[in-house]
Protein backbone atom coordinates (compact mmCIF):
# COMPACT_ATOMS: atom_id res chain seq x y z
CA UNK A 1 -14.02 4.63 26.93
CA UNK A 2 -12.25 3.35 29.99
CA UNK A 3 -9.73 1.57 27.33
CA UNK A 4 -9.06 5.07 25.95
CA UNK A 5 -8.17 6.40 29.42
CA UNK A 6 -5.97 3.46 30.58
CA UNK A 7 -2.18 4.40 30.07
CA UNK A 8 0.58 2.07 29.13
CA UNK A 9 4.28 2.42 29.69
CA UNK A 10 6.57 2.39 26.53
CA UNK A 11 7.69 -1.23 27.32
CA UNK A 12 4.19 -2.57 26.91
CA UNK A 13 3.37 -0.16 23.79
CA UNK A 14 6.65 -1.68 22.28
CA UNK A 15 5.27 -5.27 22.65
CA UNK A 16 2.02 -4.38 21.24
CA UNK A 17 3.36 -2.68 18.48
CA UNK A 18 6.48 -4.75 17.65
CA UNK A 19 8.50 -1.73 17.62
CA UNK A 20 11.66 -1.02 19.59
CA UNK A 21 11.77 1.27 22.51
CA UNK A 22 14.48 3.13 20.56
CA UNK A 23 11.97 3.44 17.37
CA UNK A 24 9.05 4.90 19.47
CA UNK A 25 11.50 7.47 21.19
CA UNK A 26 12.58 8.29 17.56
CA UNK A 27 9.09 8.66 16.29
CA UNK A 28 8.35 11.14 19.25
CA UNK A 29 11.75 13.13 18.60
CA UNK A 30 10.60 13.41 14.88
CA UNK A 31 7.10 14.64 15.83
CA UNK A 32 5.11 11.29 14.55
CA UNK A 33 3.54 10.60 17.79
CA UNK A 34 3.58 12.15 21.12
CA UNK A 35 2.77 10.13 24.37
CA UNK A 36 -0.67 11.36 25.90
CA UNK A 37 0.86 11.88 29.53
CA UNK A 38 3.97 11.41 31.74
CA UNK A 39 3.94 9.73 34.84
CA UNK A 40 4.98 11.56 38.19
CA UNK A 41 8.49 9.94 37.50
CA UNK A 42 8.64 11.22 33.84
CA UNK A 43 8.03 8.13 32.17
CA UNK A 44 5.98 8.21 28.89
CA UNK A 45 2.29 7.09 29.34
CA UNK A 46 0.43 6.02 25.74
CA UNK A 47 -3.18 5.25 25.34
CA UNK A 48 -4.75 3.05 23.07
CA UNK A 49 -5.11 5.95 20.38
CA UNK A 50 -1.44 6.29 20.72
CA UNK A 51 -0.84 2.57 19.99
CA UNK A 52 -3.37 2.98 16.89
CA UNK A 53 -1.20 5.60 15.65
CA UNK A 54 1.95 3.81 15.88
CA UNK A 55 0.48 1.07 14.34
CA UNK A 56 -0.50 3.36 11.08
CA UNK A 57 3.12 4.49 11.19
CA UNK A 58 4.44 0.72 11.15
CA UNK A 59 2.43 -0.14 8.35
CA UNK A 60 3.78 2.90 6.42
CA UNK A 61 7.32 1.80 6.94
CA UNK A 62 7.30 -0.96 4.50
CA UNK A 63 6.18 0.94 1.83
CA UNK A 64 8.91 3.48 2.14
CA UNK A 65 6.99 6.47 3.23
CA UNK A 66 9.43 9.42 3.74
CA UNK A 67 9.05 10.85 7.63
CA UNK A 68 7.64 13.89 5.89
CA UNK A 69 4.93 11.90 4.13
CA UNK A 70 4.18 10.01 7.18
CA UNK A 71 3.77 13.53 9.12
CA UNK A 72 1.50 14.68 6.36
CA UNK A 73 -0.47 11.54 6.20
CA UNK A 74 -1.09 11.60 10.03
CA UNK A 75 -1.95 15.36 9.99
CA UNK A 76 -4.65 14.52 7.05
CA UNK A 77 -5.86 11.67 9.41
CA UNK A 78 -6.09 13.86 12.28
CA UNK A 79 -7.66 16.86 10.52
CA UNK A 80 -10.44 14.27 8.82
CA UNK A 81 -11.28 12.92 12.54
CA UNK A 82 -11.68 16.59 13.62
CA UNK A 83 -13.72 17.23 10.32
CA UNK A 84 -15.91 14.39 11.41
CA UNK A 85 -16.39 16.17 14.66
CA UNK A 86 -18.18 18.83 12.75
CA UNK A 87 -15.01 21.22 13.28
CA UNK A 88 -14.38 21.59 9.40
CA UNK A 89 -16.34 22.98 6.69
CA UNK A 90 -17.37 20.79 3.93
CA UNK A 91 -14.96 21.96 1.13
CA UNK A 92 -12.02 21.59 3.91
CA UNK A 93 -13.26 18.10 4.62
CA UNK A 94 -13.24 17.24 0.67
CA UNK A 95 -9.99 18.52 0.18
CA UNK A 96 -8.50 16.12 2.84
CA UNK A 97 -10.45 13.36 1.48
CA UNK A 98 -8.69 14.22 -1.81
CA UNK A 99 -5.23 14.32 -0.31
CA UNK A 100 -6.18 11.01 1.75
CA UNK A 101 -7.43 9.21 -1.55
CA UNK A 102 -3.83 10.27 -3.27
CA UNK A 103 -2.20 8.63 -0.50
CA UNK A 104 -4.27 5.33 -0.69
CA UNK A 105 -3.22 5.32 -4.47
CA UNK A 106 0.41 5.68 -3.62
CA UNK A 107 0.13 2.83 -0.99
CA UNK A 108 -1.65 0.62 -3.41
CA UNK A 109 0.85 1.40 -6.26
CA UNK A 110 3.70 0.60 -3.78
CA UNK A 111 2.15 -2.65 -2.56
CA UNK A 112 1.80 -3.84 -6.19
CA UNK A 113 5.55 -3.38 -6.48
CA UNK A 114 6.19 -5.21 -3.46
CA UNK A 115 4.00 -7.98 -4.72
CA UNK A 116 5.99 -8.07 -7.89
CA UNK A 117 9.28 -8.28 -5.78
CA UNK A 118 8.08 -11.01 -3.71
CA UNK A 119 7.24 -13.00 -6.72
CA UNK A 120 10.43 -12.61 -8.01
CA UNK A 121 12.19 -13.59 -4.71
CA UNK A 122 9.90 -16.72 -4.50
CA UNK A 123 10.96 -17.51 -7.77
CA UNK A 124 14.54 -17.06 -7.09
CA UNK A 125 14.35 -19.35 -3.91
CA UNK A 126 12.54 -21.97 -5.79
CA UNK A 127 15.10 -21.98 -8.48
CA UNK A 128 17.94 -22.39 -5.37
CA UNK A 129 15.47 -25.56 -4.12
CA UNK A 130 15.62 -27.17 -7.67
CA UNK A 131 19.22 -26.81 -7.91
CA UNK A 132 19.82 -28.37 -4.71
CA UNK A 133 17.48 -31.24 -5.46
CA UNK A 134 19.41 -31.58 -8.90
CA UNK A 135 22.85 -31.70 -7.17
CA UNK A 136 21.76 -33.85 -4.43
């Protein structure tokens, strides 16, 4: 629990997530993540939960999720967490799980598409290597 309460400044969060300061601020501006606190000087302060949320966003990006899709998916995740705390009825929990499952299917399909693109790109790179070998 002590890790959850520990606050990090945006520079440390950027280093941990591999996101730029500008990107983290942008995600705040569009409502995807909100710093858990502010220092007396007004600096953004983040918790481990905020870092986890940013990592979810970072992992959605290569799969071409739109900002609106990201926002909806994060809301579903938040509401499922609240439901697991007993704050939602069973039918609401089931509806949230179904929405999450639909996003999971989209993510799987997009991963498969990326795998196919990577295979094509690797084949192209191998073709270039062969051409270089033949020319050398």
